């Protein structure tokens, strides 16, 4: 099970750190991804990270502003989001895939959290 937290309402230019805590999974064996879904839009890739912390990948829209990281000892993955923009408003989901591959497509993941809402006001 994956449980996201850390979402909320923030002003443009602000920061949030999302967490994804796992139970029943040993995250050190999993690649992890963050995805988001804005109202009326399809779910989109945000960032992904390999089981060891490398490699990491980012969507062009968040590159330089967001950072994905993980603490395998805490069985938790993070998404640090800086310089937030109104277009970052969405429900954010973490996802897990066992193994070495680090997919950037949502179809590559088989375990998903319930999501946390992020709203960026202008």
PDB file of N, CA and C in Angstrom:
ATOM      1  N   UNK A   1       0.854  -1.192   0.000  1.00  0.00           N
ATOM      2  CA  UNK A   1       0.000   0.000   0.000  1.00  0.00           C
ATOM      3  C   UNK A   1       0.890   1.243   0.000  1.00  0.00           C
ATOM      4  N   UNK A   2       0.476   2.232  -0.777  1.00  0.00           N
ATOM      5  CA  UNK A   2       1.193   3.507  -0.838  1.00  0.00           C
ATOM      6  C   UNK A   2       0.253   4.599  -0.350  1.00  0.00           C
ATOM      7  N   UNK A   3       0.758   5.475   0.495  1.00  0.00           N
ATOM      8  CA  UNK A   3      -0.048   6.562   1.043  1.00  0.00           C
ATOM      9  C   UNK A   3       0.692   7.870   0.834  1.00  0.00           C
ATOM     10  N   UNK A   4       0.080   8.763   0.063  1.00  0.00           N
ATOM     11  CA  UNK A   4       0.666  10.075  -0.180  1.00  0.00           C
ATOM     12  C   UNK A   4       0.203  11.064   0.887  1.00  0.00           C
ATOM     13  N   UNK A   5       1.046  12.037   1.147  1.00  0.00           N
ATOM     14  CA  UNK A   5       0.695  13.122   2.057  1.00  0.00           C
ATOM     15  C   UNK A   5       1.488  14.356   1.666  1.00  0.00           C
ATOM     16  N   UNK A   6       1.108  15.483   2.238  1.00  0.00           N
ATOM     17  CA  UNK A   6       1.859  16.712   2.023  1.00  0.00           C
ATOM     18  C   UNK A   6       1.226  17.688   1.062  1.00  0.00           C
ATOM     19  N   UNK A   7       0.107  17.297   0.453  1.00  0.00           N
ATOM     20  CA  UNK A   7      -0.567  18.216  -0.441  1.00  0.00           C
ATOM     21  C   UNK A   7      -1.231  19.344   0.322  1.00  0.00           C
ATOM     22  N   UNK A   8      -1.727  20.323  -0.426  1.00  0.00           N
ATOM     23  CA  UNK A   8      -2.412  21.448   0.204  1.00  0.00           C
ATOM     24  C   UNK A   8      -2.533  22.616  -0.740  1.00  0.00           C
ATOM     25  N   UNK A   9      -2.872  23.753  -0.152  1.00  0.00           N
ATOM     26  CA  UNK A   9      -3.033  24.994  -0.902  1.00  0.00           C
ATOM     27  C   UNK A   9      -1.800  25.867  -0.686  1.00  0.00           C
ATOM     28  N   UNK A  10      -1.243  26.353  -1.771  1.00  0.00           N
ATOM     29  CA  UNK A  10      -0.041  27.188  -1.687  1.00  0.00           C
ATOM     30  C   UNK A  10      -0.146  28.282  -2.746  1.00  0.00           C
ATOM     31  N   UNK A  11       0.502  29.397  -2.480  1.00  0.00           N
ATOM     32  CA  UNK A  11       0.507  30.485  -3.450  1.00  0.00           C
ATOM     33  C   UNK A  11       1.546  30.257  -4.534  1.00  0.00           C
ATOM     34  N   UNK A  12       1.337  30.906  -5.649  1.00  0.00           N
ATOM     35  CA  UNK A  12       2.325  30.848  -6.736  1.00  0.00           C
ATOM     36  C   UNK A  12       3.702  31.225  -6.207  1.00  0.00           C
ATOM     37  N   UNK A  13       4.678  30.413  -6.591  1.00  0.00           N
ATOM     38  CA  UNK A  13       6.038  30.636  -6.130  1.00  0.00           C
ATOM     39  C   UNK A  13       6.395  29.898  -4.859  1.00  0.00           C
ATOM     40  N   UNK A  14       5.413  29.311  -4.225  1.00  0.00           N
ATOM     41  CA  UNK A  14       5.643  28.587  -2.982  1.00  0.00           C
ATOM     42  C   UNK A  14       6.174  27.189  -3.206  1.00  0.00           C
ATOM     43  N   UNK A  15       6.318  26.466  -2.091  1.00  0.00           N
ATOM     44  CA  UNK A  15       6.880  25.117  -2.126  1.00  0.00           C
ATOM     45  C   UNK A  15       6.023  24.155  -1.318  1.00  0.00           C
ATOM     46  N   UNK A  16       6.083  22.917  -1.707  1.00  0.00           N
ATOM     47  CA  UNK A  16       5.476  21.822  -0.958  1.00  0.00           C
ATOM     48  C   UNK A  16       6.377  20.607  -1.093  1.00  0.00           C
ATOM     49  N   UNK A  17       6.339  19.750  -0.087  1.00  0.00           N
ATOM     50  CA  UNK A  17       7.028  18.474  -0.192  1.00  0.00           C
ATOM     51  C   UNK A  17       6.007  17.354  -0.003  1.00  0.00           C
ATOM     52  N   UNK A  18       5.845  16.558  -1.026  1.00  0.00           N
ATOM     53  CA  UNK A  18       4.962  15.409  -0.947  1.00  0.00           C
ATOM     54  C   UNK A  18       5.750  14.194  -0.463  1.00  0.00           C
ATOM     55  N   UNK A  19       5.074  13.357   0.300  1.00  0.00           N
ATOM     56  CA  UNK A  19       5.666  12.105   0.767  1.00  0.00           C
ATOM     57  C   UNK A  19       4.809  10.947   0.307  1.00  0.00           C
ATOM     58  N   UNK A  20       5.445   9.837   0.083  1.00  0.00           N
ATOM     59  CA  UNK A  20       4.753   8.602  -0.280  1.00  0.00           C
ATOM     60  C   UNK A  20       5.326   7.504   0.598  1.00  0.00           C
ATOM     61  N   UNK A  21       4.531   7.066   1.551  1.00  0.00           N
ATOM     62  CA  UNK A  21       4.973   6.048   2.487  1.00  0.00           C
ATOM     63  C   UNK A  21       4.399   4.695   2.089  1.00  0.00           C
ATOM     64  N   UNK A  22       5.239   3.685   2.156  1.00  0.00           N
ATOM     65  CA  UNK A  22       4.831   2.351   1.753  1.00  0.00           C
ATOM     66  C   UNK A  22       4.663   1.439   2.954  1.00  0.00           C
ATOM     67  N   UNK A  23       3.669   0.599   2.869  1.00  0.00           N
ATOM     68  CA  UNK A  23       3.503  -0.470   3.852  1.00  0.00           C
ATOM     69  C   UNK A  23       3.236  -1.754   3.085  1.00  0.00           C
ATOM     70  N   UNK A  24       3.835  -2.831   3.576  1.00  0.00           N
ATOM     71  CA  UNK A  24       3.678  -4.097   2.877  1.00  0.00           C
ATOM     72  C   UNK A  24       4.564  -4.234   1.655  1.00  0.00           C
ATOM     73  N   UNK A  25       5.369  -3.209   1.402  1.00  0.00           N
ATOM     74  CA  UNK A  25       6.338  -3.247   0.305  1.00  0.00           C
ATOM     75  C   UNK A  25       7.695  -2.870   0.847  1.00  0.00           C
ATOM     76  N   UNK A  26       8.736  -3.488   0.311  1.00  0.00           N
ATOM     77  CA  UNK A  26      10.096  -3.065   0.625  1.00  0.00           C
ATOM     78  C   UNK A  26      10.536  -2.171  -0.524  1.00  0.00           C
ATOM     79  N   UNK A  27      10.419  -0.857  -0.323  1.00  0.00           N
ATOM     80  CA  UNK A  27      10.606   0.070  -1.444  1.00  0.00           C
ATOM     81  C   UNK A  27      11.988  -0.002  -2.068  1.00  0.00           C
ATOM     82  N   UNK A  28      12.961  -0.503  -1.342  1.00  0.00           N
ATOM     83  CA  UNK A  28      14.308  -0.579  -1.908  1.00  0.00           C
ATOM     84  C   UNK A  28      14.369  -1.511  -3.112  1.00  0.00           C
ATOM     85  N   UNK A  29      13.326  -2.285  -3.329  1.00  0.00           N
ATOM     86  CA  UNK A  29      13.282  -3.189  -4.474  1.00  0.00           C
ATOM     87  C   UNK A  29      12.448  -2.635  -5.626  1.00  0.00           C
ATOM     88  N   UNK A  30      11.982  -1.391  -5.457  1.00  0.00           N
ATOM     89  CA  UNK A  30      11.036  -0.825  -6.403  1.00  0.00           C
ATOM     90  C   UNK A  30      11.532   0.485  -7.006  1.00  0.00           C
ATOM     91  N   UNK A  31      11.263   0.656  -8.299  1.00  0.00           N
ATOM     92  CA  UNK A  31      11.325   1.976  -8.899  1.00  0.00           C
ATOM     93  C   UNK A  31      10.051   2.715  -8.514  1.00  0.00           C
ATOM     94  N   UNK A  32      10.162   4.030  -8.361  1.00  0.00           N
ATOM     95  CA  UNK A  32       9.024   4.817  -7.908  1.00  0.00           C
ATOM     96  C   UNK A  32       8.772   5.983  -8.853  1.00  0.00           C
ATOM     97  N   UNK A  33       7.511   6.299  -9.024  1.00  0.00           N
ATOM     98  CA  UNK A  33       7.158   7.418  -9.882  1.00  0.00           C
ATOM     99  C   UNK A  33       6.123   8.308  -9.229  1.00  0.00           C
ATOM    100  N   UNK A  34       6.126   9.559  -9.658  1.00  0.00           N
ATOM    101  CA  UNK A  34       5.060  10.495  -9.295  1.00  0.00           C
ATOM    102  C   UNK A  34       4.334  10.905 -10.577  1.00  0.00           C
ATOM    103  N   UNK A  35       3.031  10.922 -10.496  1.00  0.00           N
ATOM    104  CA  UNK A  35       2.184  11.339 -11.599  1.00  0.00           C
ATOM    105  C   UNK A  35       1.179  12.351 -11.066  1.00  0.00           C
ATOM    106  N   UNK A  36       0.567  13.092 -11.964  1.00  0.00           N
ATOM    107  CA  UNK A  36      -0.456  14.038 -11.543  1.00  0.00           C
ATOM    108  C   UNK A  36      -1.583  14.064 -12.556  1.00  0.00           C
ATOM    109  N   UNK A  37      -2.748  14.419 -12.042  1.00  0.00           N
ATOM    110  CA  UNK A  37      -3.923  14.523 -12.898  1.00  0.00           C
ATOM    111  C   UNK A  37      -4.658  15.795 -12.542  1.00  0.00           C
ATOM    112  N   UNK A  38      -4.686  16.707 -13.489  1.00  0.00           N
ATOM    113  CA  UNK A  38      -5.417  17.956 -13.321  1.00  0.00           C
ATOM    114  C   UNK A  38      -6.872  17.743 -13.732  1.00  0.00           C
ATOM    115  N   UNK A  39      -7.771  18.565 -13.230  1.00  0.00           N
ATOM    116  CA  UNK A  39      -9.193  18.423 -13.594  1.00  0.00           C
ATOM    117  C   UNK A  39      -9.391  18.450 -15.104  1.00  0.00           C
ATOM    118  N   UNK A  40     -10.096  17.444 -15.609  1.00  0.00           N
ATOM    119  CA  UNK A  40     -10.394  17.386 -17.030  1.00  0.00           C
ATOM    120  C   UNK A  40      -9.254  16.941 -17.915  1.00  0.00           C
ATOM    121  N   UNK A  41      -8.148  16.525 -17.304  1.00  0.00           N
ATOM    122  CA  UNK A  41      -6.993  16.102 -18.088  1.00  0.00           C
ATOM    123  C   UNK A  41      -6.598  14.682 -17.738  1.00  0.00           C
ATOM    124  N   UNK A  42      -5.798  14.101 -18.606  1.00  0.00           N
ATOM    125  CA  UNK A  42      -5.307  12.758 -18.351  1.00  0.00           C
ATOM    126  C   UNK A  42      -4.170  12.800 -17.333  1.00  0.00           C
ATOM    127  N   UNK A  43      -3.946  11.666 -16.707  1.00  0.00           N
ATOM    128  CA  UNK A  43      -2.836  11.548 -15.775  1.00  0.00           C
ATOM    129  C   UNK A  43      -1.515  11.709 -16.518  1.00  0.00           C
ATOM    130  N   UNK A  44      -0.601  12.462 -15.931  1.00  0.00           N
ATOM    131  CA  UNK A  44       0.653  12.792 -16.601  1.00  0.00           C
ATOM    132  C   UNK A  44       1.848  12.464 -15.715  1.00  0.00           C
ATOM    133  N   UNK A  45       2.920  12.062 -16.344  1.00  0.00           N
ATOM    134  CA  UNK A  45       4.170  11.768 -15.653  1.00  0.00           C
ATOM    135  C   UNK A  45       4.768  13.047 -15.072  1.00  0.00           C
ATOM    136  N   UNK A  46       5.311  12.928 -13.856  1.00  0.00           N
ATOM    137  CA  UNK A  46       5.996  14.051 -13.218  1.00  0.00           C
ATOM    138  C   UNK A  46       7.473  13.730 -13.009  1.00  0.00           C
ATOM    139  N   UNK A  47       7.737  12.622 -12.312  1.00  0.00           N
ATOM    140  CA  UNK A  47       9.122  12.269 -11.998  1.00  0.00           C
ATOM    141  C   UNK A  47       9.200  10.795 -11.636  1.00  0.00           C
ATOM    142  N   UNK A  48      10.390  10.229 -11.776  1.00  0.00           N
ATOM    143  CA  UNK A  48      10.591   8.831 -11.411  1.00  0.00           C
ATOM    144  C   UNK A  48      12.022   8.638 -10.934  1.00  0.00           C
ATOM    145  N   UNK A  49      12.211   7.589 -10.137  1.00  0.00           N
ATOM    146  CA  UNK A  49      13.531   7.344  -9.561  1.00  0.00           C
ATOM    147  C   UNK A  49      13.762   5.849  -9.421  1.00  0.00           C
ATOM    148  N   UNK A  50      14.990   5.430  -9.675  1.00  0.00           N
ATOM    149  CA  UNK A  50      15.330   4.032  -9.546  1.00  0.00           C
ATOM    150  C   UNK A  50      15.446   3.601  -8.100  1.00  0.00           C
ATOM    151  N   UNK A  51      15.548   2.285  -7.904  1.00  0.00           N
ATOM    152  CA  UNK A  51      15.520   1.740  -6.551  1.00  0.00           C
ATOM    153  C   UNK A  51      16.691   2.229  -5.707  1.00  0.00           C
ATOM    154  N   UNK A  52      17.811   2.517  -6.347  1.00  0.00           N
ATOM    155  CA  UNK A  52      18.995   2.946  -5.607  1.00  0.00           C
ATOM    156  C   UNK A  52      19.090   4.461  -5.478  1.00  0.00           C
ATOM    157  N   UNK A  53      18.156   5.165  -6.072  1.00  0.00           N
ATOM    158  CA  UNK A  53      18.228   6.627  -6.111  1.00  0.00           C
ATOM    159  C   UNK A  53      18.646   7.157  -7.479  1.00  0.00           C
ATOM    160  N   UNK A  54      19.085   6.235  -8.309  1.00  0.00           N
ATOM    161  CA  UNK A  54      19.437   6.581  -9.700  1.00  0.00           C
ATOM    162  C   UNK A  54      18.941   5.490 -10.625  1.00  0.00           C
ATOM    163  N   UNK A  55      18.579   5.876 -11.845  1.00  0.00           N
ATOM    164  CA  UNK A  55      18.503   7.226 -12.382  1.00  0.00           C
ATOM    165  C   UNK A  55      17.246   7.943 -11.883  1.00  0.00           C
ATOM    166  N   UNK A  56      17.137   9.200 -12.254  1.00  0.00           N
ATOM    167  CA  UNK A  56      15.908   9.940 -12.012  1.00  0.00           C
ATOM    168  C   UNK A  56      15.521  10.662 -13.300  1.00  0.00           C
ATOM    169  N   UNK A  57      14.247  10.779 -13.503  1.00  0.00           N
ATOM    170  CA  UNK A  57      13.714  11.397 -14.707  1.00  0.00           C
ATOM    171  C   UNK A  57      12.642  12.406 -14.317  1.00  0.00           C
ATOM    172  N   UNK A  58      12.507  13.432 -15.148  1.00  0.00           N
ATOM    173  CA  UNK A  58      11.519  14.471 -14.877  1.00  0.00           C
ATOM    174  C   UNK A  58      10.797  14.876 -16.151  1.00  0.00           C
ATOM    175  N   UNK A  59       9.538  15.232 -15.994  1.00  0.00           N
ATOM    176  CA  UNK A  59       8.818  15.864 -17.091  1.00  0.00           C
ATOM    177  C   UNK A  59       9.443  17.235 -17.353  1.00  0.00           C
ATOM    178  N   UNK A  60       9.442  17.648 -18.609  1.00  0.00           N
ATOM    179  CA  UNK A  60      10.031  18.946 -18.958  1.00  0.00           C
ATOM    180  C   UNK A  60       9.383  20.084 -18.176  1.00  0.00           C
ATOM    181  N   UNK A  61       8.101  19.938 -17.894  1.00  0.00           N
ATOM    182  CA  UNK A  61       7.365  21.022 -17.243  1.00  0.00           C
ATOM    183  C   UNK A  61       7.780  21.249 -15.798  1.00  0.00           C
ATOM    184  N   UNK A  62       8.464  20.275 -15.190  1.00  0.00           N
ATOM    185  CA  UNK A  62       8.854  20.423 -13.786  1.00  0.00           C
ATOM    186  C   UNK A  62      10.363  20.401 -13.589  1.00  0.00           C
ATOM    187  N   UNK A  63      11.101  20.159 -14.653  1.00  0.00           N
ATOM    188  CA  UNK A  63      12.557  20.056 -14.552  1.00  0.00           C
ATOM    189  C   UNK A  63      13.135  21.360 -14.006  1.00  0.00           C
ATOM    190  N   UNK A  64      14.003  21.237 -13.009  1.00  0.00           N
ATOM    191  CA  UNK A  64      14.599  22.412 -12.386  1.00  0.00           C
ATOM    192  C   UNK A  64      13.790  22.966 -11.229  1.00  0.00           C
ATOM    193  N   UNK A  65      12.548  22.522 -11.085  1.00  0.00           N
ATOM    194  CA  UNK A  65      11.689  23.005  -9.982  1.00  0.00           C
ATOM    195  C   UNK A  65      11.356  21.892  -8.996  1.00  0.00           C
ATOM    196  N   UNK A  66      11.200  20.674  -9.488  1.00  0.00           N
ATOM    197  CA  UNK A  66      10.833  19.536  -8.647  1.00  0.00           C
ATOM    198  C   UNK A  66      12.035  18.613  -8.489  1.00  0.00           C
ATOM    199  N   UNK A  67      12.101  17.953  -7.339  1.00  0.00           N
ATOM    200  CA  UNK A  67      13.148  16.968  -7.083  1.00  0.00           C
ATOM    201  C   UNK A  67      12.538  15.739  -6.441  1.00  0.00           C
ATOM    202  N   UNK A  68      12.793  14.598  -7.046  1.00  0.00           N
ATOM    203  CA  UNK A  68      12.344  13.332  -6.468  1.00  0.00           C
ATOM    204  C   UNK A  68      13.511  12.729  -5.690  1.00  0.00           C
ATOM    205  N   UNK A  69      13.189  12.158  -4.542  1.00  0.00           N
ATOM    206  CA  UNK A  69      14.215  11.517  -3.727  1.00  0.00           C
ATOM    207  C   UNK A  69      13.569  10.379  -2.955  1.00  0.00           C
ATOM    208  N   UNK A  70      14.405   9.584  -2.321  1.00  0.00           N
ATOM    209  CA  UNK A  70      13.865   8.460  -1.573  1.00  0.00           C
ATOM    210  C   UNK A  70      14.739   8.173  -0.372  1.00  0.00           C
ATOM    211  N   UNK A  71      14.105   7.628   0.645  1.00  0.00           N
ATOM    212  CA  UNK A  71      14.797   7.161   1.843  1.00  0.00           C
ATOM    213  C   UNK A  71      14.329   5.732   2.051  1.00  0.00           C
ATOM    214  N   UNK A  72      15.115   4.801   1.561  1.00  0.00           N
ATOM    215  CA  UNK A  72      14.695   3.398   1.629  1.00  0.00           C
ATOM    216  C   UNK A  72      14.619   2.894   3.072  1.00  0.00           C
ATOM    217  N   UNK A  73      15.411   3.468   3.941  1.00  0.00           N
ATOM    218  CA  UNK A  73      15.354   3.057   5.350  1.00  0.00           C
ATOM    219  C   UNK A  73      14.012   3.426   5.970  1.00  0.00           C
ATOM    220  N   UNK A  74      13.402   4.501   5.454  1.00  0.00           N
ATOM    221  CA  UNK A  74      12.091   4.928   5.948  1.00  0.00           C
ATOM    222  C   UNK A  74      10.964   4.449   5.049  1.00  0.00           C
ATOM    223  N   UNK A  75      11.347   3.718   4.004  1.00  0.00           N
ATOM    224  CA  UNK A  75      10.325   3.208   3.070  1.00  0.00           C
ATOM    225  C   UNK A  75       9.460   4.331   2.515  1.00  0.00           C
ATOM    226  N   UNK A  76      10.100   5.438   2.183  1.00  0.00           N
ATOM    227  CA  UNK A  76       9.374   6.638   1.771  1.00  0.00           C
ATOM    228  C   UNK A  76      10.050   7.293   0.578  1.00  0.00           C
ATOM    229  N   UNK A  77       9.230   7.821  -0.304  1.00  0.00           N
ATOM    230  CA  UNK A  77       9.695   8.597  -1.454  1.00  0.00           C
ATOM    231  C   UNK A  77       9.117   9.998  -1.342  1.00  0.00           C
ATOM    232  N   UNK A  78       9.878  10.955  -1.810  1.00  0.00           N
ATOM    233  CA  UNK A  78       9.488  12.352  -1.673  1.00  0.00           C
ATOM    234  C   UNK A  78       9.453  13.039  -3.033  1.00  0.00           C
ATOM    235  N   UNK A  79       8.662  14.092  -3.084  1.00  0.00           N
ATOM    236  CA  UNK A  79       8.686  14.991  -4.237  1.00  0.00           C
ATOM    237  C   UNK A  79       8.726  16.411  -3.687  1.00  0.00           C
ATOM    238  N   UNK A  80       9.891  17.027  -3.781  1.00  0.00           N
ATOM    239  CA  UNK A  80      10.031  18.421  -3.376  1.00  0.00           C
ATOM    240  C   UNK A  80       9.640  19.298  -4.545  1.00  0.00           C
ATOM    241  N   UNK A  81       8.666  20.155  -4.315  1.00  0.00           N
ATOM    242  CA  UNK A  81       8.147  21.006  -5.385  1.00  0.00           C
ATOM    243  C   UNK A  81       8.384  22.466  -5.021  1.00  0.00           C
ATOM    244  N   UNK A  82       9.201  23.126  -5.815  1.00  0.00           N
ATOM    245  CA  UNK A  82       9.517  24.533  -5.595  1.00  0.00           C
ATOM    246  C   UNK A  82       9.001  25.383  -6.743  1.00  0.00           C
ATOM    247  N   UNK A  83       8.925  26.659  -6.504  1.00  0.00           N
ATOM    248  CA  UNK A  83       8.481  27.626  -7.522  1.00  0.00           C
ATOM    249  C   UNK A  83       7.193  27.142  -8.185  1.00  0.00           C
ATOM    250  N   UNK A  84       6.237  26.834  -7.364  1.00  0.00           N
ATOM    251  CA  UNK A  84       4.992  26.271  -7.873  1.00  0.00           C
ATOM    252  C   UNK A  84       4.212  27.287  -8.693  1.00  0.00           C
ATOM    253  N   UNK A  85       3.523  26.747  -9.690  1.00  0.00           N
ATOM    254  CA  UNK A  85       2.729  27.557 -10.617  1.00  0.00           C
ATOM    255  C   UNK A  85       1.282  27.071 -10.592  1.00  0.00           C
ATOM    256  N   UNK A  86       0.347  27.921 -10.966  1.00  0.00           N
ATOM    257  CA  UNK A  86      -1.060  27.469 -10.998  1.00  0.00           C
ATOM    258  C   UNK A  86      -1.251  26.214 -11.855  1.00  0.00           C
ATOM    259  N   UNK A  87      -0.477  26.061 -12.905  1.00  0.00           N
ATOM    260  CA  UNK A  87      -0.619  24.879 -13.759  1.00  0.00           C
ATOM    261  C   UNK A  87      -0.114  23.599 -13.100  1.00  0.00           C
ATOM    262  N   UNK A  88       0.487  23.709 -11.925  1.00  0.00           N
ATOM    263  CA  UNK A  88       0.870  22.521 -11.162  1.00  0.00           C
ATOM    264  C   UNK A  88      -0.291  21.975 -10.338  1.00  0.00           C
ATOM    265  N   UNK A  89      -1.399  22.702 -10.328  1.00  0.00           N
ATOM    266  CA  UNK A  89      -2.572  22.252  -9.589  1.00  0.00           C
ATOM    267  C   UNK A  89      -3.066  20.925 -10.143  1.00  0.00           C
ATOM    268  N   UNK A  90      -3.174  19.925  -9.266  1.00  0.00           N
ATOM    269  CA  UNK A  90      -3.565  18.579  -9.687  1.00  0.00           C
ATOM    270  C   UNK A  90      -3.633  17.676  -8.472  1.00  0.00           C
ATOM    271  N   UNK A  91      -4.173  16.495  -8.691  1.00  0.00           N
ATOM    272  CA  UNK A  91      -4.015  15.402  -7.726  1.00  0.00           C
ATOM    273  C   UNK A  91      -2.715  14.688  -8.065  1.00  0.00           C
ATOM    274  N   UNK A  92      -1.891  14.460  -7.068  1.00  0.00           N
ATOM    275  CA  UNK A  92      -0.592  13.832  -7.256  1.00  0.00           C
ATOM    276  C   UNK A  92      -0.613  12.417  -6.701  1.00  0.00           C
ATOM    277  N   UNK A  93      -0.101  11.498  -7.506  1.00  0.00           N
ATOM    278  CA  UNK A  93      -0.102  10.087  -7.151  1.00  0.00           C
ATOM    279  C   UNK A  93       1.315   9.529  -7.189  1.00  0.00           C
ATOM    280  N   UNK A  94       1.635   8.680  -6.224  1.00  0.00           N
ATOM    281  CA  UNK A  94       2.881   7.934  -6.336  1.00  0.00           C
ATOM    282  C   UNK A  94       2.555   6.519  -6.792  1.00  0.00           C
ATOM    283  N   UNK A  95       3.559   5.901  -7.407  1.00  0.00           N
ATOM    284  CA  UNK A  95       3.383   4.577  -7.963  1.00  0.00           C
ATOM    285  C   UNK A  95       4.676   3.798  -7.823  1.00  0.00           C
ATOM    286  N   UNK A  96       4.545   2.476  -7.760  1.00  0.00           N
ATOM    287  CA  UNK A  96       5.699   1.610  -7.554  1.00  0.00           C
ATOM    288  C   UNK A  96       5.742   0.512  -8.604  1.00  0.00           C
ATOM    289  N   UNK A  97       6.981   0.154  -8.969  1.00  0.00           N
ATOM    290  CA  UNK A  97       7.187  -0.961  -9.887  1.00  0.00           C
ATOM    291  C   UNK A  97       8.406  -1.734  -9.386  1.00  0.00           C
ATOM    292  N   UNK A  98       8.223  -2.994  -9.153  1.00  0.00           N
ATOM    293  CA  UNK A  98       9.324  -3.812  -8.658  1.00  0.00           C
ATOM    294  C   UNK A  98      10.348  -4.046  -9.775  1.00  0.00           C
ATOM    295  N   UNK A  99      11.598  -3.839  -9.447  1.00  0.00           N
ATOM    296  CA  UNK A  99      12.644  -4.145 -10.413  1.00  0.00           C
ATOM    297  C   UNK A  99      13.507  -2.955 -10.759  1.00  0.00           C
ATOM    298  N   UNK A 100      14.344  -3.129 -11.776  1.00  0.00           N
ATOM    299  CA  UNK A 100      15.344  -2.141 -12.149  1.00  0.00           C
ATOM    300  C   UNK A 100      14.845  -1.109 -13.153  1.00  0.00           C
ATOM    301  N   UNK A 101      13.837  -1.465 -13.928  1.00  0.00           N
ATOM    302  CA  UNK A 101      13.316  -0.515 -14.905  1.00  0.00           C
ATOM    303  C   UNK A 101      12.687   0.681 -14.194  1.00  0.00           C
ATOM    304  N   UNK A 102      12.824   1.857 -14.805  1.00  0.00           N
ATOM    305  CA  UNK A 102      12.243   3.075 -14.245  1.00  0.00           C
ATOM    306  C   UNK A 102      11.325   3.675 -15.305  1.00  0.00           C
ATOM    307  N   UNK A 103      10.085   3.256 -15.313  1.00  0.00           N
ATOM    308  CA  UNK A 103       9.179   3.733 -16.363  1.00  0.00           C
ATOM    309  C   UNK A 103       8.815   5.202 -16.202  1.00  0.00           C
ATOM    310  N   UNK A 104       8.509   5.822 -17.320  1.00  0.00           N
ATOM    311  CA  UNK A 104       7.964   7.182 -17.291  1.00  0.00           C
ATOM    312  C   UNK A 104       6.507   7.184 -17.753  1.00  0.00           C
ATOM    313  N   UNK A 105       6.005   6.023 -18.101  1.00  0.00           N
ATOM    314  CA  UNK A 105       4.599   5.892 -18.472  1.00  0.00           C
ATOM    315  C   UNK A 105       3.835   5.240 -17.334  1.00  0.00           C
ATOM    316  N   UNK A 106       2.598   5.688 -17.116  1.00  0.00           N
ATOM    317  CA  UNK A 106       1.852   5.154 -15.973  1.00  0.00           C
ATOM    318  C   UNK A 106       1.567   3.669 -16.128  1.00  0.00           C
ATOM    319  N   UNK A 107       1.519   3.184 -17.358  1.00  0.00           N
ATOM    320  CA  UNK A 107       1.298   1.762 -17.571  1.00  0.00           C
ATOM    321  C   UNK A 107       2.422   0.875 -17.079  1.00  0.00           C
ATOM    322  N   UNK A 108       3.560   1.486 -16.774  1.00  0.00           N
ATOM    323  CA  UNK A 108       4.698   0.718 -16.291  1.00  0.00           C
ATOM    324  C   UNK A 108       4.658   0.426 -14.806  1.00  0.00           C
ATOM    325  N   UNK A 109       3.684   0.972 -14.104  1.00  0.00           N
ATOM    326  CA  UNK A 109       3.580   0.812 -12.657  1.00  0.00           C
ATOM    327  C   UNK A 109       2.367  -0.030 -12.301  1.00  0.00           C
ATOM    328  N   UNK A 110       2.506  -0.793 -11.222  1.00  0.00           N
ATOM    329  CA  UNK A 110       1.407  -1.681 -10.872  1.00  0.00           C
ATOM    330  C   UNK A 110       0.846  -1.465  -9.477  1.00  0.00           C
ATOM    331  N   UNK A 111       1.445  -0.566  -8.721  1.00  0.00           N
ATOM    332  CA  UNK A 111       0.931  -0.258  -7.390  1.00  0.00           C
ATOM    333  C   UNK A 111       0.813   1.252  -7.271  1.00  0.00           C
ATOM    334  N   UNK A 112      -0.375   1.696  -6.836  1.00  0.00           N
ATOM    335  CA  UNK A 112      -0.659   3.134  -6.817  1.00  0.00           C
ATOM    336  C   UNK A 112      -1.207   3.552  -5.461  1.00  0.00           C
ATOM    337  N   UNK A 113      -0.911   4.795  -5.110  1.00  0.00           N
ATOM    338  CA  UNK A 113      -1.530   5.388  -3.939  1.00  0.00           C
ATOM    339  C   UNK A 113      -2.857   6.039  -4.309  1.00  0.00           C
ATOM    340  N   UNK A 114      -3.510   6.606  -3.307  1.00  0.00           N
ATOM    341  CA  UNK A 114      -4.824   7.219  -3.499  1.00  0.00           C
ATOM    342  C   UNK A 114      -4.733   8.673  -3.926  1.00  0.00           C
ATOM    343  N   UNK A 115      -3.575   9.278  -3.803  1.00  0.00           N
ATOM    344  CA  UNK A 115      -3.396  10.640  -4.272  1.00  0.00           C
ATOM    345  C   UNK A 115      -3.490  11.671  -3.173  1.00  0.00           C
ATOM    346  N   UNK A 116      -2.871  12.809  -3.437  1.00  0.00           N
ATOM    347  CA  UNK A 116      -2.966  13.969  -2.559  1.00  0.00           C
ATOM    348  C   UNK A 116      -3.149  15.194  -3.441  1.00  0.00           C
ATOM    349  N   UNK A 117      -3.996  16.089  -2.997  1.00  0.00           N
ATOM    350  CA  UNK A 117      -4.362  17.233  -3.831  1.00  0.00           C
ATOM    351  C   UNK A 117      -3.408  18.401  -3.592  1.00  0.00           C
ATOM    352  N   UNK A 118      -2.991  19.001  -4.681  1.00  0.00           N
ATOM    353  CA  UNK A 118      -2.157  20.201  -4.637  1.00  0.00           C
ATOM    354  C   UNK A 118      -2.873  21.309  -5.405  1.00  0.00           C
ATOM    355  N   UNK A 119      -3.068  22.429  -4.730  1.00  0.00           N
ATOM    356  CA  UNK A 119      -3.703  23.583  -5.367  1.00  0.00           C
ATOM    357  C   UNK A 119      -2.773  24.777  -5.249  1.00  0.00           C
ATOM    358  N   UNK A 120      -2.463  25.377  -6.384  1.00  0.00           N
ATOM    359  CA  UNK A 120      -1.581  26.543  -6.407  1.00  0.00           C
ATOM    360  C   UNK A 120      -2.417  27.747  -6.834  1.00  0.00           C
ATOM    361  N   UNK A 121      -2.544  28.706  -5.945  1.00  0.00           N
ATOM    362  CA  UNK A 121      -3.361  29.877  -6.233  1.00  0.00           C
ATOM    363  C   UNK A 121      -2.518  30.956  -6.910  1.00  0.00           C
ATOM    364  N   UNK A 122      -3.169  31.679  -7.795  1.00  0.00           N
ATOM    365  CA  UNK A 122      -2.453  32.742  -8.536  1.00  0.00           C
ATOM    366  C   UNK A 122      -2.530  34.071  -7.803  1.00  0.00           C
TER     367      UNK A 122
END
